[in-house]
Amino acid sequence: MIASLPMYDRPELRAETDRYWALIRQELAARGIEAPDALRRGDALLMPQWESPDLILSQTCGFPYRARLHGHVELVGTPDFGNDGCPAGFYRSVLIARADDPRPDFAAFDGARLAYNDGLSQSGWAAPVNHAGALGIRLVAGMETGSHRASFHAVAEGLAELAAIDALTWRLISEFEDVSAVRVVGATDPTPALPYITAKGRDAGAIFDAVACAIDRLSPPDRARLHLRGIVRIPADAYLAVPVPPAPDRIAQVN
């Protein structure tokens, strides 16, 4: 059996995340659903987890859900982290540049090189490219970093002009790291946030109820540290309706 919560699993929040999982596991057991004792961590690739028939619960991104996972997994629900300027269960990307970059806002970054965590990332790739297109500007695919945190550091160290960081990830980076070398130059429009999924054929409704009860049982300090407010149901069609941008290699070639 596989369970993972990889998207916001910072070392500083490991204890809170483990207590959250322990409560989910208790609630799953109360509904006759077996689950592993501990969360799975350390896998370099997450797609094999998400596509496994042994998956009990994990959190994916909206882009891989619509591009590869839809129809092959069950959509459980979307955690609500109370992201600023977003409806419940939605999020946006925070657009950052070097603190000393003279360009005043995102619209001035026409032709800028974007550091991105992954070409299948909604917040790190699709959202900024779609947002740029809506403003009539273009971005160039810069370095692929492998994580939002690495994209932040790429901008802070002058290796990239721009990066788009998941709103909650940015909040956590700002809590635990020195962000004085960068500044926020904009934000993308809200889209459905990172959903919880389970393997095809599992009882997604029962798992949703287990997660909802676990969140209710979390201590107020743990809930506050995780920024977790609840879980909501967002239909699959809302994820599938988000535009799919060109792949990074095509952006690089065009520009």
Foldseek 3Di string as FASTA:
>chain_A
DAEAEPAQCDPVLVVLVLLLVCLLQVLCVVVVHHDDNGHDDDDLDCVVQLQDQPFPKYWAWLQCCQVPVPVFWAFQFAFALPFPPDDGQKWWWFKKAFPPDPDQAPLSQAAFEEEFQDLSHCQWHVQVQVQCVVSVGHYAHDHHQNHLVRSLVCRLVVVGGMTIHIRVNVVVCVVPHDNNRMDTRDMGDMARGITMIGGPPDDSHSSLVSSQVSLVPRDVVSCVVSSTDGTHHDDSVSSNPRDNDDGNVVRNVVD
